[in-house]
Amino acid sequence: MQQNNLSEIKKFVKKLNKKLKEGSTTDGVGAYATPKAFVGDSEAEGSKKGLDASTAYHVKPPKKKKFFIGYKDQGKHLSDIKEANYKQFKEDASLPQHKKINEAILEINRKINEINQIIKHSAKLKNEAQIGDNKLWRRTNEALLKINKRLNEANKRLREIANLKEIEANSLKNKIVKLFNLAQQPIKPEDVEIAKEGNVHHVDVYIAGEPLAFDLQGDMLIYQDYDKEVELGNINREQEIIQKIKAIFK
């Protein structure tokens, strides 16, 4: 670097430091003599591509830390739990209290879906690559224990928000009513009774006062006929179930 260029740089830095101490920008500082030192010549060493050559150098204030994160789909706001304590979460006026809880639960559900996808990929890769447990770091094993503990804690917290058994039963009842109505066998929620035994839901559907018995094992819906069991299929595959229900009433 030539001596005169070095001298110009020193003068510029000295003036810049003085202006910063005074609390102002460097807009009033004289033009820097060395061309393309702070502008967008992509071939100039140390420059940033995309800056206009006529742009004056100035100091940008640091970005303010955002307290809220936007809810992705609806443009609403949800307190960032990593930054907000309960008081801040409660006093956030961007949403009514009940909507705040609704948005929080929907956001949690979205994040858990992402976590499940990561776990699924990791488990599949571990099995396909035949990676033994001894290959996992000690910190990884400790993290697995913490994840399991936190999931159990989260499940307990969910039970504080709502009666999960009741929600599960009502959700299943609504599905059954919808399926029968689409199968042209109109029923109402009060025509469906549900009892859970272990992991099996026993479902009684009343048609014209006569009960039809079904079992839901996992996602498999099974019709309990008088002398046999008839698998109707995955309850989430509506068209398949609808056709099977129609066949019952032929």
C-alpha atoms as a PDB file:
ATOM      1  CA  MET A   1       0.000   0.000   0.000  1.00  0.00           C
ATOM      2  CA  GLN A   2       1.379   3.408  -0.919  1.00  0.00           C
ATOM      3  CA  GLN A   3       2.357   5.792   1.904  1.00  0.00           C
ATOM      4  CA  ASN A   4      -0.097   8.513   0.884  1.00  0.00           C
ATOM      5  CA  ASN A   5      -2.980   6.019   0.866  1.00  0.00           C
ATOM      6  CA  LEU A   6      -2.014   4.811   4.340  1.00  0.00           C
ATOM      7  CA  SER A   7      -1.942   8.379   5.564  1.00  0.00           C
ATOM      8  CA  GLU A   8      -5.413   9.031   4.166  1.00  0.00           C
ATOM      9  CA  ILE A   9      -6.776   5.942   5.892  1.00  0.00           C
ATOM     10  CA  LYS A  10      -5.370   7.029   9.243  1.00  0.00           C
ATOM     11  CA  LYS A  11      -6.919  10.485   8.864  1.00  0.00           C
ATOM     12  CA  PHE A  12     -10.278   8.995   7.932  1.00  0.00           C
ATOM     13  CA  VAL A  13     -10.303   6.601  10.902  1.00  0.00           C
ATOM     14  CA  LYS A  14      -9.334   9.417  13.262  1.00  0.00           C
ATOM     15  CA  LYS A  15     -12.201  11.620  12.041  1.00  0.00           C
ATOM     16  CA  LEU A  16     -14.633   8.715  12.171  1.00  0.00           C
ATOM     17  CA  ASN A  17     -13.763   7.901  15.786  1.00  0.00           C
ATOM     18  CA  LYS A  18     -14.175  11.565  16.719  1.00  0.00           C
ATOM     19  CA  LYS A  19     -17.635  11.738  15.123  1.00  0.00           C
ATOM     20  CA  LEU A  20     -18.750   8.518  16.801  1.00  0.00           C
ATOM     21  CA  LYS A  21     -17.742   9.859  20.204  1.00  0.00           C
ATOM     22  CA  GLU A  22     -19.771  12.998  19.525  1.00  0.00           C
ATOM     23  CA  GLY A  23     -22.848  10.815  18.838  1.00  0.00           C
ATOM     24  CA  SER A  24     -23.267  11.662  15.167  1.00  0.00           C
ATOM     25  CA  THR A  25     -22.797   9.773  11.909  1.00  0.00           C
ATOM     26  CA  THR A  26     -19.944  10.291   9.479  1.00  0.00           C
ATOM     27  CA  ASP A  27     -22.085  12.017   6.859  1.00  0.00           C
ATOM     28  CA  GLY A  28     -20.128  15.216   7.415  1.00  0.00           C
ATOM     29  CA  VAL A  29     -16.738  13.576   7.016  1.00  0.00           C
ATOM     30  CA  GLY A  30     -14.939  14.438   3.829  1.00  0.00           C
ATOM     31  CA  ALA A  31     -14.865  11.985   0.966  1.00  0.00           C
ATOM     32  CA  TYR A  32     -12.328   9.218   1.249  1.00  0.00           C
ATOM     33  CA  ALA A  33      -9.591   9.593  -1.315  1.00  0.00           C
ATOM     34  CA  THR A  34      -9.042   5.920  -2.149  1.00  0.00           C
ATOM     35  CA  PRO A  35     -11.708   4.811  -4.671  1.00  0.00           C
ATOM     36  CA  LYS A  36     -13.853   1.716  -4.066  1.00  0.00           C
ATOM     37  CA  ALA A  37     -12.703   1.230  -0.483  1.00  0.00           C
ATOM     38  CA  PHE A  38     -16.237   0.920   0.887  1.00  0.00           C
ATOM     39  CA  VAL A  39     -18.298   0.384  -2.238  1.00  0.00           C
ATOM     40  CA  GLY A  40     -19.491  -2.379  -4.475  1.00  0.00           C
ATOM     41  CA  ASP A  41     -16.643  -3.312  -6.745  1.00  0.00           C
ATOM     42  CA  SER A  42     -16.812  -7.077  -6.349  1.00  0.00           C
ATOM     43  CA  GLU A  43     -13.196  -7.357  -7.532  1.00  0.00           C
ATOM     44  CA  ALA A  44     -11.835  -4.872  -5.009  1.00  0.00           C
ATOM     45  CA  GLU A  45     -10.355  -6.589  -1.970  1.00  0.00           C
ATOM     46  CA  GLY A  46     -12.501  -6.188   1.124  1.00  0.00           C
ATOM     47  CA  SER A  47     -15.474  -4.665  -0.706  1.00  0.00           C
ATOM     48  CA  LYS A  48     -19.099  -5.867  -0.591  1.00  0.00           C
ATOM     49  CA  LYS A  49     -20.889  -6.692  -3.814  1.00  0.00           C
ATOM     50  CA  GLY A  50     -24.089  -4.850  -4.484  1.00  0.00           C
ATOM     51  CA  LEU A  51     -23.289  -1.496  -2.825  1.00  0.00           C
ATOM     52  CA  ASP A  52     -23.563   1.528  -5.074  1.00  0.00           C
ATOM     53  CA  ALA A  53     -20.343   3.439  -5.649  1.00  0.00           C
ATOM     54  CA  SER A  54     -21.983   6.727  -4.672  1.00  0.00           C
ATOM     55  CA  THR A  55     -23.310   5.431  -1.330  1.00  0.00           C
ATOM     56  CA  ALA A  56     -21.864   7.336   1.610  1.00  0.00           C
ATOM     57  CA  TYR A  57     -20.420   5.277   4.443  1.00  0.00           C
ATOM     58  CA  HIS A  58     -22.477   5.535   7.615  1.00  0.00           C
ATOM     59  CA  VAL A  59     -22.877   3.680  10.868  1.00  0.00           C
ATOM     60  CA  LYS A  60     -26.148   1.759  11.208  1.00  0.00           C
ATOM     61  CA  PRO A  61     -27.667   1.508  14.671  1.00  0.00           C
ATOM     62  CA  PRO A  62     -27.922  -2.044  16.050  1.00  0.00           C
ATOM     63  CA  LYS A  63     -31.177  -3.809  15.286  1.00  0.00           C
ATOM     64  CA  LYS A  64     -33.618  -3.822  18.138  1.00  0.00           C
ATOM     65  CA  LYS A  65     -34.238  -7.239  19.578  1.00  0.00           C
ATOM     66  CA  LYS A  66     -37.745  -8.302  18.679  1.00  0.00           C
ATOM     67  CA  PHE A  67     -39.826  -9.337  21.624  1.00  0.00           C
ATOM     68  CA  PHE A  68     -42.594 -10.944  19.598  1.00  0.00           C
ATOM     69  CA  ILE A  69     -42.547 -13.488  16.808  1.00  0.00           C
ATOM     70  CA  GLY A  70     -45.162 -13.396  14.093  1.00  0.00           C
ATOM     71  CA  TYR A  71     -47.538 -16.323  13.804  1.00  0.00           C
ATOM     72  CA  LYS A  72     -46.661 -17.659  10.391  1.00  0.00           C
ATOM     73  CA  ASP A  73     -50.056 -18.328   8.815  1.00  0.00           C
ATOM     74  CA  GLN A  74     -52.296 -15.639  10.251  1.00  0.00           C
ATOM     75  CA  GLY A  75     -49.915 -12.728  10.790  1.00  0.00           C
ATOM     76  CA  LYS A  76     -50.729 -12.534  14.471  1.00  0.00           C
ATOM     77  CA  HIS A  77     -48.287 -12.217  17.337  1.00  0.00           C
ATOM     78  CA  LEU A  78     -47.181 -14.741  19.881  1.00  0.00           C
ATOM     79  CA  SER A  79     -44.824 -14.086  22.766  1.00  0.00           C
ATOM     80  CA  ASP A  80     -41.424 -15.647  22.261  1.00  0.00           C
ATOM     81  CA  ILE A  81     -41.165 -17.913  25.282  1.00  0.00           C
ATOM     82  CA  LYS A  82     -37.380 -17.877  25.107  1.00  0.00           C
ATOM     83  CA  GLU A  83     -37.442 -14.118  25.787  1.00  0.00           C
ATOM     84  CA  ALA A  84     -40.737 -13.486  27.578  1.00  0.00           C
ATOM     85  CA  ASN A  85     -41.593 -14.278  31.167  1.00  0.00           C
ATOM     86  CA  TYR A  86     -45.154 -15.020  32.250  1.00  0.00           C
ATOM     87  CA  LYS A  87     -45.912 -11.395  33.121  1.00  0.00           C
ATOM     88  CA  GLN A  88     -44.858 -10.215  29.656  1.00  0.00           C
ATOM     89  CA  PHE A  89     -46.804 -13.027  28.016  1.00  0.00           C
ATOM     90  CA  LYS A  90     -49.917 -12.150  30.023  1.00  0.00           C
ATOM     91  CA  GLU A  91     -49.706  -8.391  29.459  1.00  0.00           C
ATOM     92  CA  ASP A  92     -49.063  -8.618  25.722  1.00  0.00           C
ATOM     93  CA  ALA A  93     -51.956  -6.605  24.295  1.00  0.00           C
ATOM     94  CA  SER A  94     -51.610  -7.783  20.685  1.00  0.00           C
ATOM     95  CA  LEU A  95     -54.249 -10.501  21.236  1.00  0.00           C
ATOM     96  CA  PRO A  96     -57.103 -11.230  23.663  1.00  0.00           C
ATOM     97  CA  GLN A  97     -56.146 -13.731  26.355  1.00  0.00           C
ATOM     98  CA  HIS A  98     -58.125 -16.678  24.925  1.00  0.00           C
ATOM     99  CA  LYS A  99     -56.691 -16.119  21.429  1.00  0.00           C
ATOM    100  CA  LYS A 100     -53.219 -15.931  22.930  1.00  0.00           C
ATOM    101  CA  ILE A 101     -53.648 -19.438  24.339  1.00  0.00           C
ATOM    102  CA  ASN A 102     -55.142 -20.724  21.071  1.00  0.00           C
ATOM    103  CA  GLU A 103     -52.256 -19.349  19.024  1.00  0.00           C
ATOM    104  CA  ALA A 104     -49.704 -20.696  21.505  1.00  0.00           C
ATOM    105  CA  ILE A 105     -51.120 -24.237  21.295  1.00  0.00           C
ATOM    106  CA  LEU A 106     -51.229 -24.136  17.477  1.00  0.00           C
ATOM    107  CA  GLU A 107     -47.621 -22.943  17.402  1.00  0.00           C
ATOM    108  CA  ILE A 108     -46.578 -25.714  19.800  1.00  0.00           C
ATOM    109  CA  ASN A 109     -48.285 -28.294  17.581  1.00  0.00           C
ATOM    110  CA  ARG A 110     -46.434 -26.998  14.516  1.00  0.00           C
ATOM    111  CA  LYS A 111     -43.080 -27.127  16.292  1.00  0.00           C
ATOM    112  CA  ILE A 112     -43.707 -30.628  17.650  1.00  0.00           C
ATOM    113  CA  ASN A 113     -44.460 -31.810  14.097  1.00  0.00           C
ATOM    114  CA  GLU A 114     -41.062 -30.446  13.063  1.00  0.00           C
ATOM    115  CA  ILE A 115     -39.385 -32.157  16.032  1.00  0.00           C
ATOM    116  CA  ASN A 116     -41.068 -35.478  15.195  1.00  0.00           C
ATOM    117  CA  GLN A 117     -39.782 -35.206  11.626  1.00  0.00           C
ATOM    118  CA  ILE A 118     -36.223 -34.671  12.886  1.00  0.00           C
ATOM    119  CA  ILE A 119     -36.528 -37.650  15.256  1.00  0.00           C
ATOM    120  CA  LYS A 120     -37.947 -39.798  12.436  1.00  0.00           C
ATOM    121  CA  HIS A 121     -35.054 -38.936  10.105  1.00  0.00           C
ATOM    122  CA  SER A 122     -32.470 -39.511  12.857  1.00  0.00           C
ATOM    123  CA  ALA A 123     -33.935 -42.887  13.845  1.00  0.00           C
ATOM    124  CA  LYS A 124     -34.150 -44.026  10.222  1.00  0.00           C
ATOM    125  CA  LEU A 125     -30.561 -42.994   9.519  1.00  0.00           C
ATOM    126  CA  LYS A 126     -29.333 -44.719  12.687  1.00  0.00           C
ATOM    127  CA  ASN A 127     -31.054 -47.976  11.683  1.00  0.00           C
ATOM    128  CA  GLU A 128     -30.025 -47.886   8.015  1.00  0.00           C
ATOM    129  CA  ALA A 129     -26.411 -47.017   8.833  1.00  0.00           C
ATOM    130  CA  GLN A 130     -26.433 -49.618  11.652  1.00  0.00           C
ATOM    131  CA  ILE A 131     -25.028 -47.117  14.128  1.00  0.00           C
ATOM    132  CA  GLY A 132     -24.676 -48.697  17.560  1.00  0.00           C
ATOM    133  CA  ASP A 133     -25.607 -46.931  20.788  1.00  0.00           C
ATOM    134  CA  ASN A 134     -21.909 -46.847  21.680  1.00  0.00           C
ATOM    135  CA  LYS A 135     -21.381 -44.396  18.807  1.00  0.00           C
ATOM    136  CA  LEU A 136     -23.617 -41.810  20.440  1.00  0.00           C
ATOM    137  CA  TRP A 137     -21.820 -39.187  22.498  1.00  0.00           C
ATOM    138  CA  ARG A 138     -22.362 -39.041  26.225  1.00  0.00           C
ATOM    139  CA  ARG A 139     -23.915 -35.596  25.759  1.00  0.00           C
ATOM    140  CA  THR A 140     -26.322 -37.097  23.209  1.00  0.00           C
ATOM    141  CA  ASN A 141     -27.482 -39.761  25.648  1.00  0.00           C
ATOM    142  CA  GLU A 142     -27.948 -37.132  28.347  1.00  0.00           C
ATOM    143  CA  ALA A 143     -29.942 -35.030  25.864  1.00  0.00           C
ATOM    144  CA  LEU A 144     -32.192 -38.013  25.110  1.00  0.00           C
ATOM    145  CA  LEU A 145     -32.961 -38.399  28.811  1.00  0.00           C
ATOM    146  CA  LYS A 146     -33.722 -34.689  29.097  1.00  0.00           C
ATOM    147  CA  ILE A 147     -35.981 -34.796  26.023  1.00  0.00           C
ATOM    148  CA  ASN A 148     -37.956 -37.695  27.513  1.00  0.00           C
ATOM    149  CA  LYS A 149     -38.270 -35.901  30.847  1.00  0.00           C
ATOM    150  CA  ARG A 150     -39.396 -32.654  29.198  1.00  0.00           C
ATOM    151  CA  LEU A 151     -41.973 -34.450  27.089  1.00  0.00           C
ATOM    152  CA  ASN A 152     -43.436 -36.022  30.233  1.00  0.00           C
ATOM    153  CA  GLU A 153     -43.509 -32.608  31.896  1.00  0.00           C
ATOM    154  CA  ALA A 154     -45.166 -31.091  28.830  1.00  0.00           C
ATOM    155  CA  ASN A 155     -47.824 -33.813  28.899  1.00  0.00           C
ATOM    156  CA  LYS A 156     -48.602 -32.971  32.532  1.00  0.00           C
ATOM    157  CA  ARG A 157     -48.877 -29.272  31.624  1.00  0.00           C
ATOM    158  CA  LEU A 158     -51.293 -30.091  28.818  1.00  0.00           C
ATOM    159  CA  ARG A 159     -53.578 -31.796  31.310  1.00  0.00           C
ATOM    160  CA  GLU A 160     -53.668 -28.531  33.249  1.00  0.00           C
ATOM    161  CA  ILE A 161     -55.014 -26.754  30.156  1.00  0.00           C
ATOM    162  CA  ALA A 162     -57.759 -29.200  29.231  1.00  0.00           C
ATOM    163  CA  ASN A 163     -59.277 -32.627  29.868  1.00  0.00           C
ATOM    164  CA  LEU A 164     -57.454 -34.599  27.187  1.00  0.00           C
ATOM    165  CA  LYS A 165     -59.627 -37.707  27.569  1.00  0.00           C
ATOM    166  CA  GLU A 166     -62.763 -35.682  26.980  1.00  0.00           C
ATOM    167  CA  ILE A 167     -61.211 -33.902  24.000  1.00  0.00           C
ATOM    168  CA  GLU A 168     -60.129 -37.247  22.531  1.00  0.00           C
ATOM    169  CA  ALA A 169     -63.608 -38.750  22.959  1.00  0.00           C
ATOM    170  CA  ASN A 170     -65.337 -35.704  21.429  1.00  0.00           C
ATOM    171  CA  SER A 171     -62.917 -35.677  18.503  1.00  0.00           C
ATOM    172  CA  LEU A 172     -63.621 -39.356  17.788  1.00  0.00           C
ATOM    173  CA  LYS A 173     -67.377 -38.812  18.176  1.00  0.00           C
ATOM    174  CA  ASN A 174     -67.279 -35.977  15.626  1.00  0.00           C
ATOM    175  CA  LYS A 175     -65.373 -38.179  13.178  1.00  0.00           C
ATOM    176  CA  ILE A 176     -67.892 -41.014  13.536  1.00  0.00           C
ATOM    177  CA  VAL A 177     -70.857 -38.654  13.037  1.00  0.00           C
ATOM    178  CA  LYS A 178     -69.239 -37.175   9.941  1.00  0.00           C
ATOM    179  CA  LEU A 179     -68.474 -40.591   8.426  1.00  0.00           C
ATOM    180  CA  PHE A 180     -72.010 -41.918   8.968  1.00  0.00           C
ATOM    181  CA  ASN A 181     -73.599 -38.764   7.574  1.00  0.00           C
ATOM    182  CA  LEU A 182     -71.412 -38.946   4.465  1.00  0.00           C
ATOM    183  CA  ALA A 183     -72.443 -42.627   4.168  1.00  0.00           C
ATOM    184  CA  GLN A 184     -76.052 -41.435   4.065  1.00  0.00           C
ATOM    185  CA  GLN A 185     -76.832 -42.779   7.521  1.00  0.00           C
ATOM    186  CA  PRO A 186     -77.599 -39.530   9.363  1.00  0.00           C
ATOM    187  CA  ILE A 187     -76.840 -39.518  13.069  1.00  0.00           C
ATOM    188  CA  LYS A 188     -76.219 -36.898  15.760  1.00  0.00           C
ATOM    189  CA  PRO A 189     -73.484 -36.713  18.426  1.00  0.00           C
ATOM    190  CA  GLU A 190     -75.952 -37.946  21.050  1.00  0.00           C
ATOM    191  CA  ASP A 191     -76.368 -41.146  18.994  1.00  0.00           C
ATOM    192  CA  VAL A 192     -72.744 -42.086  19.680  1.00  0.00           C
ATOM    193  CA  GLU A 193     -71.387 -43.495  22.945  1.00  0.00           C
ATOM    194  CA  ILE A 194     -67.670 -44.004  23.522  1.00  0.00           C
ATOM    195  CA  ALA A 195     -65.824 -45.873  26.255  1.00  0.00           C
ATOM    196  CA  LYS A 196     -62.064 -46.381  26.393  1.00  0.00           C
ATOM    197  CA  GLU A 197     -60.439 -49.559  27.700  1.00  0.00           C
ATOM    198  CA  GLY A 198     -56.663 -49.506  27.563  1.00  0.00           C
ATOM    199  CA  ASN A 199     -55.747 -48.410  24.039  1.00  0.00           C
ATOM    200  CA  VAL A 200     -59.078 -49.463  22.535  1.00  0.00           C
ATOM    201  CA  HIS A 201     -62.101 -47.200  22.076  1.00  0.00           C
ATOM    202  CA  HIS A 202     -65.429 -49.040  22.183  1.00  0.00           C
ATOM    203  CA  VAL A 203     -67.959 -47.135  20.074  1.00  0.00           C
ATOM    204  CA  ASP A 204     -71.714 -47.730  20.040  1.00  0.00           C
ATOM    205  CA  VAL A 205     -73.635 -46.036  17.232  1.00  0.00           C
ATOM    206  CA  TYR A 206     -77.428 -45.981  17.532  1.00  0.00           C
ATOM    207  CA  ILE A 207     -79.371 -46.228  14.256  1.00  0.00           C
ATOM    208  CA  ALA A 208     -83.155 -46.082  14.694  1.00  0.00           C
ATOM    209  CA  GLY A 209     -82.649 -47.027  18.336  1.00  0.00           C
ATOM    210  CA  GLU A 210     -80.562 -50.120  17.525  1.00  0.00           C
ATOM    211  CA  PRO A 211     -76.873 -50.096  18.562  1.00  0.00           C
ATOM    212  CA  LEU A 212     -74.032 -50.986  16.222  1.00  0.00           C
ATOM    213  CA  ALA A 213     -70.751 -51.853  17.920  1.00  0.00           C
ATOM    214  CA  PHE A 214     -67.342 -50.690  16.683  1.00  0.00           C
ATOM    215  CA  ASP A 215     -63.833 -50.824  18.113  1.00  0.00           C
ATOM    216  CA  LEU A 216     -61.090 -48.353  17.298  1.00  0.00           C
ATOM    217  CA  GLN A 217     -57.644 -49.897  17.785  1.00  0.00           C
ATOM    218  CA  GLY A 218     -55.039 -47.302  16.957  1.00  0.00           C
ATOM    219  CA  ASP A 219     -56.386 -45.864  13.701  1.00  0.00           C
ATOM    220  CA  MET A 220     -58.095 -49.119  12.633  1.00  0.00           C
ATOM    221  CA  LEU A 221     -61.886 -49.052  12.858  1.00  0.00           C
ATOM    222  CA  ILE A 222     -63.446 -52.498  13.313  1.00  0.00           C
ATOM    223  CA  TYR A 223     -67.135 -53.341  13.047  1.00  0.00           C
ATOM    224  CA  GLN A 224     -68.288 -55.907  15.591  1.00  0.00           C
ATOM    225  CA  ASP A 225     -70.861 -57.885  13.624  1.00  0.00           C
ATOM    226  CA  TYR A 226     -73.002 -60.557  15.338  1.00  0.00           C
ATOM    227  CA  ASP A 227     -70.657 -63.437  14.505  1.00  0.00           C
ATOM    228  CA  LYS A 228     -67.476 -61.806  13.182  1.00  0.00           C
ATOM    229  CA  GLU A 229     -65.241 -58.759  13.129  1.00  0.00           C
ATOM    230  CA  VAL A 230     -65.036 -56.653   9.968  1.00  0.00           C
ATOM    231  CA  GLU A 231     -62.102 -54.298   9.494  1.00  0.00           C
ATOM    232  CA  LEU A 232     -63.362 -51.074   7.948  1.00  0.00           C
ATOM    233  CA  GLY A 233     -59.922 -49.517   7.528  1.00  0.00           C
ATOM    234  CA  ASN A 234     -57.989 -46.494   8.736  1.00  0.00           C
ATOM    235  CA  ILE A 235     -60.396 -44.014  10.240  1.00  0.00           C
ATOM    236  CA  ASN A 236     -58.483 -41.147   8.635  1.00  0.00           C
ATOM    237  CA  ARG A 237     -59.159 -42.548   5.135  1.00  0.00           C
ATOM    238  CA  GLU A 238     -62.682 -41.263   4.857  1.00  0.00           C
ATOM    239  CA  GLN A 239     -63.693 -42.620   1.464  1.00  0.00           C
ATOM    240  CA  GLU A 240     -62.635 -46.139   2.367  1.00  0.00           C
ATOM    241  CA  ILE A 241     -64.621 -46.065   5.628  1.00  0.00           C
ATOM    242  CA  ILE A 242     -67.675 -44.488   3.960  1.00  0.00           C
ATOM    243  CA  GLN A 243     -67.905 -47.275   1.372  1.00  0.00           C
ATOM    244  CA  LYS A 244     -67.583 -49.944   4.085  1.00  0.00           C
ATOM    245  CA  ILE A 245     -70.343 -48.326   6.170  1.00  0.00           C
ATOM    246  CA  LYS A 246     -72.608 -48.219   3.105  1.00  0.00           C
ATOM    247  CA  ALA A 247     -71.950 -51.930   2.606  1.00  0.00           C
ATOM    248  CA  ILE A 248     -73.162 -52.671   6.160  1.00  0.00           C
ATOM    249  CA  PHE A 249     -76.581 -51.208   5.404  1.00  0.00           C
ATOM    250  CA  LYS A 250     -77.158 -52.866   2.021  1.00  0.00           C
END
